[in-house]
Structures are given as C-alpha cells and as structure tokens.
Amino acid sequence: MTRLRSDIFVAALVRRVFGQGGFAAIEHRGMEEAGAIFVRQRFRDGRETLYGPAPQSLVDEEGAASRRFEIRLAAAEPDEVAALIARERKWDPDLWLVEIEVDELGDLLPLV
C-alpha cells in the first residue's frame, strides 16, 4: 500500500478546513510526491500550535501507509513557531507548511 502524495494530502486538508468553516493557506509548497508536511494552527488569542510528521518509530504497521502527526509546539508564541519552522526548512527545504485557523483540530490530522 502506498502513501498519499503530499500535494494531494495538503489539498484535501485545506478543503476540509474550509468545509468546516475555518481558514487554511499554504505558506510553503514542498515536494509534491513526498515532502514532509507541517501544520501551523493559529488561535484567536495569538498563540499557535505546530504539528509535524511523527517519527516512523511511533507509527504502527497499520498506520505505516498513512501520514501521522505529532505536536511539535503547543500554544506557543508565534516567534517560537517561526523559529522552529526556520530550523526545519534549513534541514529540509522541500517541506510543506500549511496554516490553519480553527478552534478545534478535531479529526483534521491523525495524531500519535
């Protein structure tokens, strides 16, 4: 079983966010086929939570073909999130960065 391409996953995520009444934007486009995906969730109080790809060691065999995420920073200041994203982009310039504005993440991202 193959994993869904990054560009298709991101397009579906953006659509789902808008479908639930939220806002989504692609801040940085990565490699279409297999770029790592980071999601920056912005809250009304100005704080942000950053989700990134979960390490493969945290993904069971059943979830190996799907994308799983983990929280990298929770309810952090925007500067902290921006600094972490900058470090990640230095290491992996082909990553995707998606910004979402929703109060509750719900089932938008599968978390480990």
PDB file of N, CA and C in Angstrom:
ATOM      1  N   MET A   1       0.844  -1.176   0.000  1.00  0.00           N
ATOM      2  CA  MET A   1       0.000   0.000   0.000  1.00  0.00           C
ATOM      3  C   MET A   1       0.890   1.240   0.000  1.00  0.00           C
ATOM      4  N   THR A   2       0.592   2.181  -0.878  1.00  0.00           N
ATOM      5  CA  THR A   2       1.402   3.389  -0.973  1.00  0.00           C
ATOM      6  C   THR A   2       0.743   4.531  -0.208  1.00  0.00           C
ATOM      7  N   ARG A   3       1.558   5.469   0.177  1.00  0.00           N
ATOM      8  CA  ARG A   3       1.078   6.620   0.933  1.00  0.00           C
ATOM      9  C   ARG A   3       0.610   7.702  -0.028  1.00  0.00           C
ATOM     10  N   LEU A   4      -0.404   8.434   0.368  1.00  0.00           N
ATOM     11  CA  LEU A   4      -0.959   9.525  -0.422  1.00  0.00           C
ATOM     12  C   LEU A   4       0.100  10.600  -0.648  1.00  0.00           C
ATOM     13  N   ARG A   5       0.186  11.094  -1.859  1.00  0.00           N
ATOM     14  CA  ARG A   5       1.154  12.152  -2.187  1.00  0.00           C
ATOM     15  C   ARG A   5       0.918  13.369  -1.301  1.00  0.00           C
ATOM     16  N   SER A   6       1.992  14.102  -1.026  1.00  0.00           N
ATOM     17  CA  SER A   6       1.908  15.281  -0.161  1.00  0.00           C
ATOM     18  C   SER A   6       0.971  16.342  -0.716  1.00  0.00           C
ATOM     19  N   ASP A   7       1.070  16.621  -2.018  1.00  0.00           N
ATOM     20  CA  ASP A   7       0.222  17.665  -2.599  1.00  0.00           C
ATOM     21  C   ASP A   7      -1.259  17.320  -2.504  1.00  0.00           C
ATOM     22  N   ILE A   8      -1.596  16.058  -2.654  1.00  0.00           N
ATOM     23  CA  ILE A   8      -2.997  15.637  -2.561  1.00  0.00           C
ATOM     24  C   ILE A   8      -3.472  15.705  -1.105  1.00  0.00           C
ATOM     25  N   PHE A   9      -2.624  15.272  -0.170  1.00  0.00           N
ATOM     26  CA  PHE A   9      -2.973  15.340   1.253  1.00  0.00           C
ATOM     27  C   PHE A   9      -3.230  16.790   1.655  1.00  0.00           C
ATOM     28  N   VAL A  10      -2.350  17.701   1.250  1.00  0.00           N
ATOM     29  CA  VAL A  10      -2.491  19.116   1.608  1.00  0.00           C
ATOM     30  C   VAL A  10      -3.758  19.705   0.983  1.00  0.00           C
ATOM     31  N   ALA A  11      -4.021  19.402  -0.277  1.00  0.00           N
ATOM     32  CA  ALA A  11      -5.223  19.918  -0.934  1.00  0.00           C
ATOM     33  C   ALA A  11      -6.485  19.433  -0.205  1.00  0.00           C
ATOM     34  N   ALA A  12      -6.499  18.173   0.200  1.00  0.00           N
ATOM     35  CA  ALA A  12      -7.647  17.635   0.926  1.00  0.00           C
ATOM     36  C   ALA A  12      -7.788  18.289   2.295  1.00  0.00           C
ATOM     37  N   LEU A  13      -6.669  18.517   2.979  1.00  0.00           N
ATOM     38  CA  LEU A  13      -6.701  19.171   4.283  1.00  0.00           C
ATOM     39  C   LEU A  13      -7.274  20.580   4.170  1.00  0.00           C
ATOM     40  N   VAL A  14      -6.799  21.341   3.206  1.00  0.00           N
ATOM     41  CA  VAL A  14      -7.280  22.715   3.004  1.00  0.00           C
ATOM     42  C   VAL A  14      -8.787  22.707   2.730  1.00  0.00           C
ATOM     43  N   ARG A  15      -9.210  21.803   1.908  1.00  0.00           N
ATOM     44  CA  ARG A  15     -10.640  21.696   1.580  1.00  0.00           C
ATOM     45  C   ARG A  15     -11.487  21.373   2.802  1.00  0.00           C
ATOM     46  N   ARG A  16     -10.996  20.427   3.613  1.00  0.00           N
ATOM     47  CA  ARG A  16     -11.729  20.026   4.820  1.00  0.00           C
ATOM     48  C   ARG A  16     -11.826  21.182   5.807  1.00  0.00           C
ATOM     49  N   VAL A  17     -10.741  21.948   5.967  1.00  0.00           N
ATOM     50  CA  VAL A  17     -10.754  23.089   6.884  1.00  0.00           C
ATOM     51  C   VAL A  17     -11.805  24.099   6.432  1.00  0.00           C
ATOM     52  N   PHE A  18     -11.797  24.457   5.149  1.00  0.00           N
ATOM     53  CA  PHE A  18     -12.796  25.398   4.641  1.00  0.00           C
ATOM     54  C   PHE A  18     -14.201  24.826   4.771  1.00  0.00           C
ATOM     55  N   GLY A  19     -14.337  23.517   4.530  1.00  0.00           N
ATOM     56  CA  GLY A  19     -15.640  22.868   4.656  1.00  0.00           C
ATOM     57  C   GLY A  19     -16.199  22.917   6.066  1.00  0.00           C
ATOM     58  N   GLN A  20     -15.303  23.021   7.062  1.00  0.00           N
ATOM     59  CA  GLN A  20     -15.731  23.097   8.458  1.00  0.00           C
ATOM     60  C   GLN A  20     -15.834  24.543   8.949  1.00  0.00           C
ATOM     61  N   GLY A  21     -15.704  25.498   8.032  1.00  0.00           N
ATOM     62  CA  GLY A  21     -15.864  26.901   8.382  1.00  0.00           C
ATOM     63  C   GLY A  21     -14.593  27.588   8.858  1.00  0.00           C
ATOM     64  N   GLY A  22     -13.452  26.934   8.729  1.00  0.00           N
ATOM     65  CA  GLY A  22     -12.177  27.524   9.133  1.00  0.00           C
ATOM     66  C   GLY A  22     -11.481  28.178   7.955  1.00  0.00           C
ATOM     67  N   PHE A  23     -10.237  28.565   8.187  1.00  0.00           N
ATOM     68  CA  PHE A  23      -9.406  29.175   7.152  1.00  0.00           C
ATOM     69  C   PHE A  23      -8.141  28.351   7.015  1.00  0.00           C
ATOM     70  N   ALA A  24      -7.655  28.202   5.790  1.00  0.00           N
ATOM     71  CA  ALA A  24      -6.406  27.477   5.547  1.00  0.00           C
ATOM     72  C   ALA A  24      -5.665  28.131   4.391  1.00  0.00           C
ATOM     73  N   ALA A  25      -4.339  28.101   4.478  1.00  0.00           N
ATOM     74  CA  ALA A  25      -3.497  28.633   3.406  1.00  0.00           C
ATOM     75  C   ALA A  25      -2.203  27.841   3.370  1.00  0.00           C
ATOM     76  N   ILE A  26      -1.668  27.699   2.189  1.00  0.00           N
ATOM     77  CA  ILE A  26      -0.377  27.032   2.034  1.00  0.00           C
ATOM     78  C   ILE A  26       0.689  28.115   2.100  1.00  0.00           C
ATOM     79  N   GLU A  27       1.500  28.092   3.157  1.00  0.00           N
ATOM     80  CA  GLU A  27       2.564  29.083   3.330  1.00  0.00           C
ATOM     81  C   GLU A  27       3.795  28.721   2.520  1.00  0.00           C
ATOM     82  N   HIS A  28       4.046  27.432   2.378  1.00  0.00           N
ATOM     83  CA  HIS A  28       5.218  26.985   1.617  1.00  0.00           C
ATOM     84  C   HIS A  28       4.895  25.652   0.952  1.00  0.00           C
ATOM     85  N   ARG A  29       5.104  25.611  -0.357  1.00  0.00           N
ATOM     86  CA  ARG A  29       4.878  24.367  -1.106  1.00  0.00           C
ATOM     87  C   ARG A  29       6.158  23.557  -1.116  1.00  0.00           C
ATOM     88  N   GLY A  30       6.021  22.299  -0.794  1.00  0.00           N
ATOM     89  CA  GLY A  30       7.164  21.402  -0.773  1.00  0.00           C
ATOM     90  C   GLY A  30       7.166  20.468  -1.973  1.00  0.00           C
ATOM     91  N   MET A  31       7.908  19.400  -1.839  1.00  0.00           N
ATOM     92  CA  MET A  31       7.979  18.402  -2.896  1.00  0.00           C
ATOM     93  C   MET A  31       6.609  17.735  -3.035  1.00  0.00           C
ATOM     94  N   GLU A  32       6.100  17.684  -4.257  1.00  0.00           N
ATOM     95  CA  GLU A  32       4.745  17.197  -4.494  1.00  0.00           C
ATOM     96  C   GLU A  32       4.525  15.763  -4.039  1.00  0.00           C
ATOM     97  N   GLU A  33       5.472  14.890  -4.303  1.00  0.00           N
ATOM     98  CA  GLU A  33       5.269  13.474  -4.031  1.00  0.00           C
ATOM     99  C   GLU A  33       5.432  13.119  -2.558  1.00  0.00           C
ATOM    100  N   ALA A  34       6.504  13.587  -1.950  1.00  0.00           N
ATOM    101  CA  ALA A  34       6.814  13.080  -0.610  1.00  0.00           C
ATOM    102  C   ALA A  34       7.349  14.132   0.346  1.00  0.00           C
ATOM    103  N   GLY A  35       7.050  15.384   0.144  1.00  0.00           N
ATOM    104  CA  GLY A  35       7.538  16.413   1.060  1.00  0.00           C
ATOM    105  C   GLY A  35       6.915  16.268   2.439  1.00  0.00           C
ATOM    106  N   ALA A  36       7.702  16.505   3.476  1.00  0.00           N
ATOM    107  CA  ALA A  36       7.184  16.483   4.844  1.00  0.00           C
ATOM    108  C   ALA A  36       6.161  17.603   4.996  1.00  0.00           C
ATOM    109  N   ILE A  37       5.126  17.351   5.791  1.00  0.00           N
ATOM    110  CA  ILE A  37       4.048  18.325   5.955  1.00  0.00           C
ATOM    111  C   ILE A  37       4.029  18.818   7.401  1.00  0.00           C
ATOM    112  N   PHE A  38       4.065  20.149   7.557  1.00  0.00           N
ATOM    113  CA  PHE A  38       3.935  20.790   8.858  1.00  0.00           C
ATOM    114  C   PHE A  38       2.665  21.626   8.821  1.00  0.00           C
ATOM    115  N   VAL A  39       1.936  21.635   9.930  1.00  0.00           N
ATOM    116  CA  VAL A  39       0.687  22.385  10.008  1.00  0.00           C
ATOM    117  C   VAL A  39       0.781  23.342  11.190  1.00  0.00           C
ATOM    118  N   ARG A  40       0.542  24.607  10.886  1.00  0.00           N
ATOM    119  CA  ARG A  40       0.606  25.679  11.891  1.00  0.00           C
ATOM    120  C   ARG A  40      -0.829  26.091  12.200  1.00  0.00           C
ATOM    121  N   GLN A  41      -1.292  25.765  13.396  1.00  0.00           N
ATOM    122  CA  GLN A  41      -2.652  26.107  13.812  1.00  0.00           C
ATOM    123  C   GLN A  41      -2.615  27.404  14.603  1.00  0.00           C
ATOM    124  N   ARG A  42      -3.298  28.413  14.096  1.00  0.00           N
ATOM    125  CA  ARG A  42      -3.335  29.722  14.763  1.00  0.00           C
ATOM    126  C   ARG A  42      -4.650  29.848  15.537  1.00  0.00           C
ATOM    127  N   PHE A  43      -4.518  30.427  16.733  1.00  0.00           N
ATOM    128  CA  PHE A  43      -5.687  30.622  17.584  1.00  0.00           C
ATOM    129  C   PHE A  43      -6.018  32.105  17.698  1.00  0.00           C
ATOM    130  N   ARG A  44      -7.215  32.403  18.134  1.00  0.00           N
ATOM    131  CA  ARG A  44      -7.670  33.794  18.247  1.00  0.00           C
ATOM    132  C   ARG A  44      -6.870  34.611  19.249  1.00  0.00           C
ATOM    133  N   ASP A  45      -6.286  33.943  20.244  1.00  0.00           N
ATOM    134  CA  ASP A  45      -5.510  34.670  21.260  1.00  0.00           C
ATOM    135  C   ASP A  45      -4.073  34.961  20.812  1.00  0.00           C
ATOM    136  N   GLY A  46      -3.741  34.597  19.561  1.00  0.00           N
ATOM    137  CA  GLY A  46      -2.415  34.877  19.026  1.00  0.00           C
ATOM    138  C   GLY A  46      -1.425  33.735  19.182  1.00  0.00           C
ATOM    139  N   ARG A  47      -1.771  32.736  19.961  1.00  0.00           N
ATOM    140  CA  ARG A  47      -0.880  31.591  20.138  1.00  0.00           C
ATOM    141  C   ARG A  47      -1.018  30.644  18.951  1.00  0.00           C
ATOM    142  N   GLU A  48      -0.042  29.733  18.844  1.00  0.00           N
ATOM    143  CA  GLU A  48      -0.035  28.777  17.732  1.00  0.00           C
ATOM    144  C   GLU A  48       0.414  27.410  18.221  1.00  0.00           C
ATOM    145  N   THR A  49      -0.070  26.376  17.548  1.00  0.00           N
ATOM    146  CA  THR A  49       0.401  25.016  17.769  1.00  0.00           C
ATOM    147  C   THR A  49       0.961  24.530  16.443  1.00  0.00           C
ATOM    148  N   LEU A  50       2.125  23.895  16.514  1.00  0.00           N
ATOM    149  CA  LEU A  50       2.768  23.376  15.309  1.00  0.00           C
ATOM    150  C   LEU A  50       2.754  21.857  15.343  1.00  0.00           C
ATOM    151  N   TYR A  51       2.241  21.271  14.262  1.00  0.00           N
ATOM    152  CA  TYR A  51       2.219  19.821  14.095  1.00  0.00           C
ATOM    153  C   TYR A  51       3.222  19.458  13.018  1.00  0.00           C
ATOM    154  N   GLY A  52       3.942  18.382  13.237  1.00  0.00           N
ATOM    155  CA  GLY A  52       4.899  17.907  12.255  1.00  0.00           C
ATOM    156  C   GLY A  52       4.766  16.411  12.076  1.00  0.00           C
ATOM    157  N   PRO A  53       5.482  15.856  11.098  1.00  0.00           N
ATOM    158  CA  PRO A  53       5.411  14.418  10.861  1.00  0.00           C
ATOM    159  C   PRO A  53       5.874  13.645  12.098  1.00  0.00           C
ATOM    160  N   ALA A  54       5.124  12.612  12.438  1.00  0.00           N
ATOM    161  CA  ALA A  54       5.517  11.762  13.564  1.00  0.00           C
ATOM    162  C   ALA A  54       6.681  10.873  13.130  1.00  0.00           C
ATOM    163  N   PRO A  55       7.615  10.608  14.030  1.00  0.00           N
ATOM    164  CA  PRO A  55       8.707   9.682  13.699  1.00  0.00           C
ATOM    165  C   PRO A  55       8.144   8.311  13.354  1.00  0.00           C
ATOM    166  N   GLN A  56       8.757   7.658  12.399  1.00  0.00           N
ATOM    167  CA  GLN A  56       8.296   6.334  11.971  1.00  0.00           C
ATOM    168  C   GLN A  56       8.229   5.347  13.129  1.00  0.00           C
ATOM    169  N   SER A  57       9.068   5.526  14.147  1.00  0.00           N
ATOM    170  CA  SER A  57       9.063   4.597  15.281  1.00  0.00           C
ATOM    171  C   SER A  57       7.764   4.688  16.085  1.00  0.00           C
ATOM    172  N   LEU A  58       7.011   5.782  15.933  1.00  0.00           N
ATOM    173  CA  LEU A  58       5.745   5.943  16.644  1.00  0.00           C
ATOM    174  C   LEU A  58       4.547   5.468  15.827  1.00  0.00           C
ATOM    175  N   VAL A  59       4.788   5.046  14.610  1.00  0.00           N
ATOM    176  CA  VAL A  59       3.705   4.623  13.721  1.00  0.00           C
ATOM    177  C   VAL A  59       3.683   3.106  13.660  1.00  0.00           C
ATOM    178  N   ASP A  60       2.520   2.530  13.950  1.00  0.00           N
ATOM    179  CA  ASP A  60       2.408   1.077  13.894  1.00  0.00           C
ATOM    180  C   ASP A  60       2.293   0.608  12.442  1.00  0.00           C
ATOM    181  N   GLU A  61       2.334  -0.701  12.247  1.00  0.00           N
ATOM    182  CA  GLU A  61       2.285  -1.253  10.882  1.00  0.00           C
ATOM    183  C   GLU A  61       1.017  -0.854  10.153  1.00  0.00           C
ATOM    184  N   GLU A  62      -0.082  -0.805  10.869  1.00  0.00           N
ATOM    185  CA  GLU A  62      -1.363  -0.449  10.267  1.00  0.00           C
ATOM    186  C   GLU A  62      -1.353   0.980   9.728  1.00  0.00           C
ATOM    187  N   GLY A  63      -0.651   1.892  10.419  1.00  0.00           N
ATOM    188  CA  GLY A  63      -0.617   3.289  10.016  1.00  0.00           C
ATOM    189  C   GLY A  63       0.562   3.653   9.138  1.00  0.00           C
ATOM    190  N   ALA A  64       1.379   2.688   8.772  1.00  0.00           N
ATOM    191  CA  ALA A  64       2.600   2.976   8.005  1.00  0.00           C
ATOM    192  C   ALA A  64       2.303   3.603   6.651  1.00  0.00           C
ATOM    193  N   ALA A  65       1.164   3.302   6.054  1.00  0.00           N
ATOM    194  CA  ALA A  65       0.847   3.838   4.737  1.00  0.00           C
ATOM    195  C   ALA A  65       0.152   5.198   4.816  1.00  0.00           C
ATOM    196  N   SER A  66      -0.219   5.627   6.003  1.00  0.00           N
ATOM    197  CA  SER A  66      -0.882   6.926   6.135  1.00  0.00           C
ATOM    198  C   SER A  66       0.024   7.900   6.872  1.00  0.00           C
ATOM    199  N   ARG A  67      -0.285   9.145   6.749  1.00  0.00           N
ATOM    200  CA  ARG A  67       0.514  10.171   7.427  1.00  0.00           C
ATOM    201  C   ARG A  67       0.015  10.322   8.853  1.00  0.00           C
ATOM    202  N   ARG A  68       0.938  10.421   9.779  1.00  0.00           N
ATOM    203  CA  ARG A  68       0.632  10.656  11.191  1.00  0.00           C
ATOM    204  C   ARG A  68       1.415  11.876  11.638  1.00  0.00           C
ATOM    205  N   PHE A  69       0.844  12.610  12.580  1.00  0.00           N
ATOM    206  CA  PHE A  69       1.458  13.849  13.045  1.00  0.00           C
ATOM    207  C   PHE A  69       1.636  13.816  14.553  1.00  0.00           C
ATOM    208  N   GLU A  70       2.557  14.669  15.012  1.00  0.00           N
ATOM    209  CA  GLU A  70       2.755  14.877  16.439  1.00  0.00           C
ATOM    210  C   GLU A  70       2.821  16.372  16.690  1.00  0.00           C
ATOM    211  N   ILE A  71       2.547  16.763  17.922  1.00  0.00           N
ATOM    212  CA  ILE A  71       2.644  18.177  18.287  1.00  0.00           C
ATOM    213  C   ILE A  71       4.113  18.499  18.517  1.00  0.00           C
ATOM    214  N   ARG A  72       4.614  19.510  17.813  1.00  0.00           N
ATOM    215  CA  ARG A  72       5.993  19.968  17.997  1.00  0.00           C
ATOM    216  C   ARG A  72       6.055  21.113  18.993  1.00  0.00           C
ATOM    217  N   LEU A  73       5.085  22.018  18.937  1.00  0.00           N
ATOM    218  CA  LEU A  73       4.948  23.116  19.903  1.00  0.00           C
ATOM    219  C   LEU A  73       3.460  23.308  20.159  1.00  0.00           C
ATOM    220  N   ALA A  74       3.080  23.459  21.421  1.00  0.00           N
ATOM    221  CA  ALA A  74       1.668  23.625  21.761  1.00  0.00           C
ATOM    222  C   ALA A  74       1.430  25.001  22.373  1.00  0.00           C
ATOM    223  N   ALA A  75       0.431  25.699  21.853  1.00  0.00           N
ATOM    224  CA  ALA A  75       0.024  27.014  22.369  1.00  0.00           C
ATOM    225  C   ALA A  75       1.231  27.910  22.620  1.00  0.00           C
ATOM    226  N   ALA A  76       2.092  28.010  21.629  1.00  0.00           N
ATOM    227  CA  ALA A  76       3.341  28.772  21.744  1.00  0.00           C
ATOM    228  C   ALA A  76       3.181  30.163  21.126  1.00  0.00           C
ATOM    229  N   GLU A  77       4.144  31.011  21.424  1.00  0.00           N
ATOM    230  CA  GLU A  77       4.185  32.342  20.819  1.00  0.00           C
ATOM    231  C   GLU A  77       4.555  32.188  19.331  1.00  0.00           C
ATOM    232  N   PRO A  78       4.026  33.047  18.472  1.00  0.00           N
ATOM    233  CA  PRO A  78       4.317  32.952  17.042  1.00  0.00           C
ATOM    234  C   PRO A  78       5.810  32.979  16.707  1.00  0.00           C
ATOM    235  N   ASP A  79       6.605  33.738  17.466  1.00  0.00           N
ATOM    236  CA  ASP A  79       8.050  33.792  17.211  1.00  0.00           C
ATOM    237  C   ASP A  79       8.718  32.442  17.433  1.00  0.00           C
ATOM    238  N   GLU A  80       8.272  31.710  18.457  1.00  0.00           N
ATOM    239  CA  GLU A  80       8.821  30.379  18.726  1.00  0.00           C
ATOM    240  C   GLU A  80       8.518  29.431  17.569  1.00  0.00           C
ATOM    241  N   VAL A  81       7.285  29.494  17.099  1.00  0.00           N
ATOM    242  CA  VAL A  81       6.870  28.628  15.992  1.00  0.00           C
ATOM    243  C   VAL A  81       7.661  28.987  14.738  1.00  0.00           C
ATOM    244  N   ALA A  82       7.789  30.269  14.449  1.00  0.00           N
ATOM    245  CA  ALA A  82       8.537  30.712  13.265  1.00  0.00           C
ATOM    246  C   ALA A  82       9.993  30.259  13.330  1.00  0.00           C
ATOM    247  N   ALA A  83      10.597  30.325  14.509  1.00  0.00           N
ATOM    248  CA  ALA A  83      11.994  29.902  14.660  1.00  0.00           C
ATOM    249  C   ALA A  83      12.143  28.399  14.420  1.00  0.00           C
ATOM    250  N   LEU A  84      11.213  27.609  14.934  1.00  0.00           N
ATOM    251  CA  LEU A  84      11.278  26.159  14.711  1.00  0.00           C
ATOM    252  C   LEU A  84      11.074  25.828  13.237  1.00  0.00           C
ATOM    253  N   ILE A  85      10.147  26.507  12.594  1.00  0.00           N
ATOM    254  CA  ILE A  85       9.911  26.278  11.165  1.00  0.00           C
ATOM    255  C   ILE A  85      11.162  26.649  10.366  1.00  0.00           C
ATOM    256  N   ALA A  86      11.799  27.743  10.703  1.00  0.00           N
ATOM    257  CA  ALA A  86      13.025  28.158  10.002  1.00  0.00           C
ATOM    258  C   ALA A  86      14.116  27.092  10.131  1.00  0.00           C
ATOM    259  N   ARG A  87      14.262  26.528  11.337  1.00  0.00           N
ATOM    260  CA  ARG A  87      15.259  25.454  11.526  1.00  0.00           C
ATOM    261  C   ARG A  87      14.906  24.235  10.691  1.00  0.00           C
ATOM    262  N   GLU A  88      13.633  23.866  10.658  1.00  0.00           N
ATOM    263  CA  GLU A  88      13.192  22.707   9.867  1.00  0.00           C
ATOM    264  C   GLU A  88      13.433  22.948   8.377  1.00  0.00           C
ATOM    265  N   ARG A  89      13.173  24.166   7.907  1.00  0.00           N
ATOM    266  CA  ARG A  89      13.355  24.474   6.481  1.00  0.00           C
ATOM    267  C   ARG A  89      14.823  24.475   6.077  1.00  0.00           C
ATOM    268  N   LYS A  90      15.716  24.824   7.009  1.00  0.00           N
ATOM    269  CA  LYS A  90      17.155  24.731   6.720  1.00  0.00           C
ATOM    270  C   LYS A  90      17.545  23.285   6.485  1.00  0.00           C
ATOM    271  N   TRP A  91      16.989  22.395   7.299  1.00  0.00           N
ATOM    272  CA  TRP A  91      17.298  20.974   7.205  1.00  0.00           C
ATOM    273  C   TRP A  91      16.568  20.323   6.035  1.00  0.00           C
ATOM    274  N   ASP A  92      15.328  20.756   5.760  1.00  0.00           N
ATOM    275  CA  ASP A  92      14.506  20.163   4.704  1.00  0.00           C
ATOM    276  C   ASP A  92      13.773  21.261   3.936  1.00  0.00           C
ATOM    277  N   PRO A  93      14.397  21.826   2.895  1.00  0.00           N
ATOM    278  CA  PRO A  93      13.753  22.909   2.145  1.00  0.00           C
ATOM    279  C   PRO A  93      12.536  22.462   1.327  1.00  0.00           C
ATOM    280  N   ASP A  94      12.322  21.149   1.211  1.00  0.00           N
ATOM    281  CA  ASP A  94      11.194  20.630   0.423  1.00  0.00           C
ATOM    282  C   ASP A  94       9.943  20.363   1.253  1.00  0.00           C
ATOM    283  N   LEU A  95       9.904  20.871   2.481  1.00  0.00           N
ATOM    284  CA  LEU A  95       8.739  20.607   3.318  1.00  0.00           C
ATOM    285  C   LEU A  95       7.566  21.490   2.929  1.00  0.00           C
ATOM    286  N   TRP A  96       6.377  21.055   3.303  1.00  0.00           N
ATOM    287  CA  TRP A  96       5.148  21.825   3.131  1.00  0.00           C
ATOM    288  C   TRP A  96       4.826  22.507   4.448  1.00  0.00           C
ATOM    289  N   LEU A  97       4.301  23.730   4.390  1.00  0.00           N
ATOM    290  CA  LEU A  97       3.819  24.405   5.583  1.00  0.00           C
ATOM    291  C   LEU A  97       2.410  24.913   5.297  1.00  0.00           C
ATOM    292  N   VAL A  98       1.469  24.418   6.076  1.00  0.00           N
ATOM    293  CA  VAL A  98       0.063  24.785   5.915  1.00  0.00           C
ATOM    294  C   VAL A  98      -0.386  25.510   7.173  1.00  0.00           C
ATOM    295  N   GLU A  99      -1.015  26.646   6.994  1.00  0.00           N
ATOM    296  CA  GLU A  99      -1.561  27.410   8.119  1.00  0.00           C
ATOM    297  C   GLU A  99      -3.056  27.160   8.178  1.00  0.00           C
ATOM    298  N   ILE A 100      -3.539  26.852   9.373  1.00  0.00           N
ATOM    299  CA  ILE A 100      -4.987  26.685   9.534  1.00  0.00           C
ATOM    300  C   ILE A 100      -5.447  27.543  10.715  1.00  0.00           C
ATOM    301  N   GLU A 101      -6.666  28.025  10.596  1.00  0.00           N
ATOM    302  CA  GLU A 101      -7.300  28.764  11.685  1.00  0.00           C
ATOM    303  C   GLU A 101      -8.613  28.074  11.985  1.00  0.00           C
ATOM    304  N   VAL A 102      -8.568  27.224  12.994  1.00  0.00           N
ATOM    305  CA  VAL A 102      -9.741  26.518  13.503  1.00  0.00           C
ATOM    306  C   VAL A 102      -9.614  26.482  15.022  1.00  0.00           C
ATOM    307  N   ASP A 103     -10.755  26.536  15.698  1.00  0.00           N
ATOM    308  CA  ASP A 103     -10.713  26.493  17.160  1.00  0.00           C
ATOM    309  C   ASP A 103     -10.328  25.102  17.658  1.00  0.00           C
ATOM    310  N   GLU A 104     -10.880  24.091  17.030  1.00  0.00           N
ATOM    311  CA  GLU A 104     -10.618  22.704  17.423  1.00  0.00           C
ATOM    312  C   GLU A 104     -10.068  21.937  16.231  1.00  0.00           C
ATOM    313  N   LEU A 105      -9.021  21.159  16.466  1.00  0.00           N
ATOM    314  CA  LEU A 105      -8.407  20.369  15.394  1.00  0.00           C
ATOM    315  C   LEU A 105      -9.331  19.243  14.943  1.00  0.00           C
ATOM    316  N   GLY A 106     -10.080  18.679  15.882  1.00  0.00           N
ATOM    317  CA  GLY A 106     -10.987  17.584  15.543  1.00  0.00           C
ATOM    318  C   GLY A 106     -10.240  16.436  14.907  1.00  0.00           C
ATOM    319  N   ASP A 107     -10.771  15.945  13.803  1.00  0.00           N
ATOM    320  CA  ASP A 107     -10.150  14.809  13.110  1.00  0.00           C
ATOM    321  C   ASP A 107      -9.416  15.250  11.848  1.00  0.00           C
ATOM    322  N   LEU A 108      -8.985  16.509  11.789  1.00  0.00           N
ATOM    323  CA  LEU A 108      -8.295  17.007  10.600  1.00  0.00           C
ATOM    324  C   LEU A 108      -6.940  16.328  10.398  1.00  0.00           C
ATOM    325  N   LEU A 109      -6.228  16.054  11.491  1.00  0.00           N
ATOM    326  CA  LEU A 109      -4.908  15.418  11.403  1.00  0.00           C
ATOM    327  C   LEU A 109      -4.874  14.184  12.308  1.00  0.00           C
ATOM    328  N   PRO A 110      -4.386  13.068  11.796  1.00  0.00           N
ATOM    329  CA  PRO A 110      -4.227  11.883  12.657  1.00  0.00           C
ATOM    330  C   PRO A 110      -2.977  12.055  13.535  1.00  0.00           C
ATOM    331  N   LEU A 111      -3.192  12.156  14.849  1.00  0.00           N
ATOM    332  CA  LEU A 111      -2.096  12.367  15.789  1.00  0.00           C
ATOM    333  C   LEU A 111      -1.664  11.048  16.433  1.00  0.00           C
ATOM    334  N   VAL A 112      -0.371  10.976  16.780  1.00  0.00           N
ATOM    335  CA  VAL A 112       0.122   9.811  17.533  1.00  0.00           C
ATOM    336  C   VAL A 112       0.237  10.185  18.992  1.00  0.00           C
TER     337      VAL A 112
END
